[in-house]
C-alpha atoms as a PDB file:
ATOM      1  CA  MET A   1     100.622 118.852  91.631  1.00  0.00           C
ATOM      2  CA  SER A   2      98.451 116.871  89.254  1.00  0.00           C
ATOM      3  CA  VAL A   3      97.044 113.364  89.389  1.00  0.00           C
ATOM      4  CA  SER A   4      99.856 112.204  87.096  1.00  0.00           C
ATOM      5  CA  ASP A   5     102.369 113.141  89.817  1.00  0.00           C
ATOM      6  CA  LEU A   6     100.780 110.879  92.416  1.00  0.00           C
ATOM      7  CA  PRO A   7     102.484 107.580  91.450  1.00  0.00           C
ATOM      8  CA  ALA A   8     105.896 109.162  92.100  1.00  0.00           C
ATOM      9  CA  LEU A   9     104.616 110.658  95.351  1.00  0.00           C
ATOM     10  CA  ASN A  10     103.269 107.239  96.341  1.00  0.00           C
ATOM     11  CA  ALA A  11     106.622 105.596  95.647  1.00  0.00           C
ATOM     12  CA  GLY A  12     108.336 108.295  97.682  1.00  0.00           C
ATOM     13  CA  LEU A  13     105.963 107.776 100.591  1.00  0.00           C
ATOM     14  CA  ASN A  14     106.520 104.004 100.441  1.00  0.00           C
ATOM     15  CA  ALA A  15     110.297 104.503 100.377  1.00  0.00           C
ATOM     16  CA  THR A  16     110.067 106.955 103.276  1.00  0.00           C
ATOM     17  CA  ALA A  17     107.990 104.500 105.291  1.00  0.00           C
ATOM     18  CA  GLY A  18     110.521 101.747 104.596  1.00  0.00           C
ATOM     19  CA  VAL A  19     113.470 103.876 105.691  1.00  0.00           C
ATOM     20  CA  LEU A  20     111.625 104.974 108.837  1.00  0.00           C
ATOM     21  CA  LEU A  21     110.606 101.395 109.660  1.00  0.00           C
ATOM     22  CA  PHE A  22     114.196 100.219 109.342  1.00  0.00           C
ATOM     23  CA  ALA A  23     115.464 103.165 111.388  1.00  0.00           C
ATOM     24  CA  GLY A  24     112.845 102.422 114.044  1.00  0.00           C
ATOM     25  CA  TRP A  25     113.934  98.790 114.136  1.00  0.00           C
ATOM     26  CA  LEU A  26     117.558  99.876 114.570  1.00  0.00           C
ATOM     27  CA  MET A  27     116.536 102.302 117.328  1.00  0.00           C
ATOM     28  CA  ILE A  28     114.691  99.684 119.373  1.00  0.00           C
ATOM     29  CA  ARG A  29     117.549  97.202 118.904  1.00  0.00           C
ATOM     30  CA  GLY A  30     119.808  99.870 120.382  1.00  0.00           C
ATOM     31  CA  GLY A  31     117.464 100.585 123.290  1.00  0.00           C
ATOM     32  CA  ARG A  32     116.541 104.047 122.017  1.00  0.00           C
ATOM     33  CA  ILE A  33     112.840 103.843 122.830  1.00  0.00           C
ATOM     34  CA  THR A  34     111.903 107.479 122.195  1.00  0.00           C
ATOM     35  CA  ALA A  35     113.649 107.488 118.802  1.00  0.00           C
ATOM     36  CA  HIS A  36     111.955 104.170 117.970  1.00  0.00           C
ATOM     37  CA  ARG A  37     108.560 105.600 118.825  1.00  0.00           C
ATOM     38  CA  ARG A  38     109.156 108.694 116.691  1.00  0.00           C
ATOM     39  CA  CYS A  39     110.333 106.647 113.716  1.00  0.00           C
ATOM     40  CA  MET A  40     107.394 104.276 113.907  1.00  0.00           C
ATOM     41  CA  LEU A  41     104.837 107.081 114.246  1.00  0.00           C
ATOM     42  CA  ALA A  42     106.445 108.817 111.264  1.00  0.00           C
ATOM     43  CA  ALA A  43     106.370 105.544 109.274  1.00  0.00           C
ATOM     44  CA  PHE A  44     102.696 105.123 110.136  1.00  0.00           C
ATOM     45  CA  THR A  45     102.046 108.702 109.005  1.00  0.00           C
ATOM     46  CA  ALA A  46     103.913 108.169 105.716  1.00  0.00           C
ATOM     47  CA  SER A  47     101.970 104.957 105.075  1.00  0.00           C
ATOM     48  CA  SER A  48      98.677 106.669 105.906  1.00  0.00           C
ATOM     49  CA  LEU A  49      99.457 109.520 103.518  1.00  0.00           C
ATOM     50  CA  PHE A  50     100.381 106.927 100.893  1.00  0.00           C
ATOM     51  CA  LEU A  51      97.012 105.217 101.322  1.00  0.00           C
ATOM     52  CA  VAL A  52      95.107 108.475 100.859  1.00  0.00           C
ATOM     53  CA  SER A  53      97.170 109.427  97.797  1.00  0.00           C
ATOM     54  CA  TYR A  54      96.826 105.909  96.346  1.00  0.00           C
ATOM     55  CA  VAL A  55      93.031 105.983  96.643  1.00  0.00           C
ATOM     56  CA  VAL A  56      92.839 109.486  95.126  1.00  0.00           C
ATOM     57  CA  TYR A  57      95.064 108.455  92.210  1.00  0.00           C
ATOM     58  CA  HIS A  58      93.160 105.281  91.400  1.00  0.00           C
ATOM     59  CA  ALA A  59      89.785 107.001  91.780  1.00  0.00           C
ATOM     60  CA  GLN A  60      90.915 109.606  89.230  1.00  0.00           C
ATOM     61  CA  ALA A  61      93.168 107.655  86.844  1.00  0.00           C
ATOM     62  CA  GLY A  62      92.244 103.999  87.190  1.00  0.00           C
ATOM     63  CA  SER A  63      95.024 101.463  86.891  1.00  0.00           C
ATOM     64  CA  ARG A  64      98.040 101.285  84.625  1.00  0.00           C
ATOM     65  CA  PRO A  65      98.630  97.998  82.809  1.00  0.00           C
ATOM     66  CA  PHE A  66     102.034  96.335  82.960  1.00  0.00           C
ATOM     67  CA  THR A  67     103.449  96.227  79.430  1.00  0.00           C
ATOM     68  CA  GLY A  68     106.498  94.053  80.067  1.00  0.00           C
ATOM     69  CA  GLN A  69     106.762  90.625  78.446  1.00  0.00           C
ATOM     70  CA  GLY A  70     108.423  87.300  79.165  1.00  0.00           C
ATOM     71  CA  PRO A  71     109.972  86.579  82.573  1.00  0.00           C
ATOM     72  CA  ALA A  72     109.578  90.215  83.669  1.00  0.00           C
ATOM     73  CA  ARG A  73     105.810  89.803  83.424  1.00  0.00           C
ATOM     74  CA  ALA A  74     105.821  86.749  85.693  1.00  0.00           C
ATOM     75  CA  VAL A  75     108.081  88.521  88.193  1.00  0.00           C
ATOM     76  CA  TYR A  76     105.866  91.611  88.146  1.00  0.00           C
ATOM     77  CA  PHE A  77     102.680  89.689  88.834  1.00  0.00           C
ATOM     78  CA  ALA A  78     104.300  87.569  91.558  1.00  0.00           C
ATOM     79  CA  ILE A  79     105.430  90.757  93.304  1.00  0.00           C
ATOM     80  CA  LEU A  80     102.106  92.511  92.699  1.00  0.00           C
ATOM     81  CA  ILE A  81      99.951  89.672  94.024  1.00  0.00           C
ATOM     82  CA  SER A  82     102.036  89.188  97.158  1.00  0.00           C
ATOM     83  CA  HIS A  83     102.156  92.965  97.653  1.00  0.00           C
ATOM     84  CA  VAL A  84      98.376  93.391  97.387  1.00  0.00           C
ATOM     85  CA  VAL A  85      97.600  90.493  99.744  1.00  0.00           C
ATOM     86  CA  LEU A  86     100.116  91.641 102.353  1.00  0.00           C
ATOM     87  CA  ALA A  87      99.127  95.315 101.966  1.00  0.00           C
ATOM     88  CA  ALA A  88      95.576  94.362 102.919  1.00  0.00           C
ATOM     89  CA  ALA A  89      96.912  92.453 105.933  1.00  0.00           C
ATOM     90  CA  ILE A  90      99.232  95.223 107.098  1.00  0.00           C
ATOM     91  CA  VAL A  91      96.471  97.733 107.774  1.00  0.00           C
ATOM     92  CA  PRO A  92      94.957  95.875 110.757  1.00  0.00           C
ATOM     93  CA  LEU A  93      98.376  94.567 111.840  1.00  0.00           C
ATOM     94  CA  ALA A  94      99.872  98.057 111.965  1.00  0.00           C
ATOM     95  CA  LEU A  95      96.833  99.456 113.762  1.00  0.00           C
ATOM     96  CA  VAL A  96      96.917  96.731 116.424  1.00  0.00           C
ATOM     97  CA  THR A  97     100.690  97.013 116.833  1.00  0.00           C
ATOM     98  CA  LEU A  98     100.521 100.789 117.193  1.00  0.00           C
ATOM     99  CA  THR A  99      97.557 100.643 119.569  1.00  0.00           C
ATOM    100  CA  ARG A 100      99.300  98.159 121.844  1.00  0.00           C
ATOM    101  CA  ALA A 101     102.409 100.331 121.984  1.00  0.00           C
ATOM    102  CA  LEU A 102     100.466 103.518 122.706  1.00  0.00           C
ATOM    103  CA  ARG A 103      98.561 101.756 125.500  1.00  0.00           C
ATOM    104  CA  GLY A 104     101.827 100.555 127.021  1.00  0.00           C
ATOM    105  CA  ASP A 105     101.049  96.878 126.416  1.00  0.00           C
ATOM    106  CA  PHE A 106     104.625  96.183 125.362  1.00  0.00           C
ATOM    107  CA  VAL A 107     104.584  92.405 125.802  1.00  0.00           C
ATOM    108  CA  ARG A 108     101.730  92.035 123.324  1.00  0.00           C
ATOM    109  CA  HIS A 109     103.151  94.851 121.185  1.00  0.00           C
ATOM    110  CA  ARG A 110     106.447  92.994 120.756  1.00  0.00           C
ATOM    111  CA  ARG A 111     104.648  89.740 120.030  1.00  0.00           C
ATOM    112  CA  ILE A 112     102.712  91.196 117.080  1.00  0.00           C
ATOM    113  CA  ALA A 113     105.472  93.602 115.971  1.00  0.00           C
ATOM    114  CA  ARG A 114     107.637  90.574 115.126  1.00  0.00           C
ATOM    115  CA  TRP A 115     105.092  89.827 112.385  1.00  0.00           C
ATOM    116  CA  THR A 116     104.117  93.387 111.510  1.00  0.00           C
ATOM    117  CA  PHE A 117     107.625  94.722 110.892  1.00  0.00           C
ATOM    118  CA  PRO A 118     108.764  92.307 108.151  1.00  0.00           C
ATOM    119  CA  ILE A 119     105.384  92.373 106.396  1.00  0.00           C
ATOM    120  CA  TRP A 120     105.239  96.179 106.492  1.00  0.00           C
ATOM    121  CA  MET A 121     108.829  96.395 105.207  1.00  0.00           C
ATOM    122  CA  TYR A 122     107.998  93.999 102.366  1.00  0.00           C
ATOM    123  CA  VAL A 123     104.920  96.023 101.402  1.00  0.00           C
ATOM    124  CA  SER A 124     106.874  99.296 101.495  1.00  0.00           C
ATOM    125  CA  VAL A 125     109.773  97.967  99.424  1.00  0.00           C
ATOM    126  CA  THR A 126     107.624  96.135  96.894  1.00  0.00           C
ATOM    127  CA  GLY A 127     105.494  99.256  96.480  1.00  0.00           C
ATOM    128  CA  VAL A 128     108.599 101.050  95.221  1.00  0.00           C
ATOM    129  CA  VAL A 129     109.555  98.066  93.027  1.00  0.00           C
ATOM    130  CA  ILE A 130     106.082  98.012  91.475  1.00  0.00           C
ATOM    131  CA  TYR A 131     106.330 101.746  90.739  1.00  0.00           C
ATOM    132  CA  TRP A 132     109.737 101.227  89.131  1.00  0.00           C
ATOM    133  CA  MET A 133     108.435  98.345  87.009  1.00  0.00           C
ATOM    134  CA  LEU A 134     105.368 100.308  85.858  1.00  0.00           C
ATOM    135  CA  TYR A 135     106.839 103.770  85.396  1.00  0.00           C
ATOM    136  CA  GLY A 136     110.561 103.122  84.972  1.00  0.00           C
ATOM    137  CA  GLY A 137     111.531 104.955  88.126  1.00  0.00           C
END
């Protein structure tokens, strides 16, 4: 695997995290606590691996400019800016949410998870969209 393969890997890790987050949400809605826990730990792992791969890629290759024009350019930058801001926010949110769950503080876990889940889903999905817009899928 070379550095040029990392954007596709990153998109795959983001997609995996998104699927696992949604599955975990479905599991907890259905009262399947153990399955929920497994899905969420796997989503956290996928997102952590993404972060490592993302840093390695950008340390080696820099950034890739968006070459689209017209309305696509405005859409891209609107998605990118919201993605970057929320991606920075999701790191502490996910850590606090996970820590509360692992400590058994489920009242406070649920309170913050209501915010963490949709933000984390948005970041995961928009990460894939950004990849698609930059690299064409």
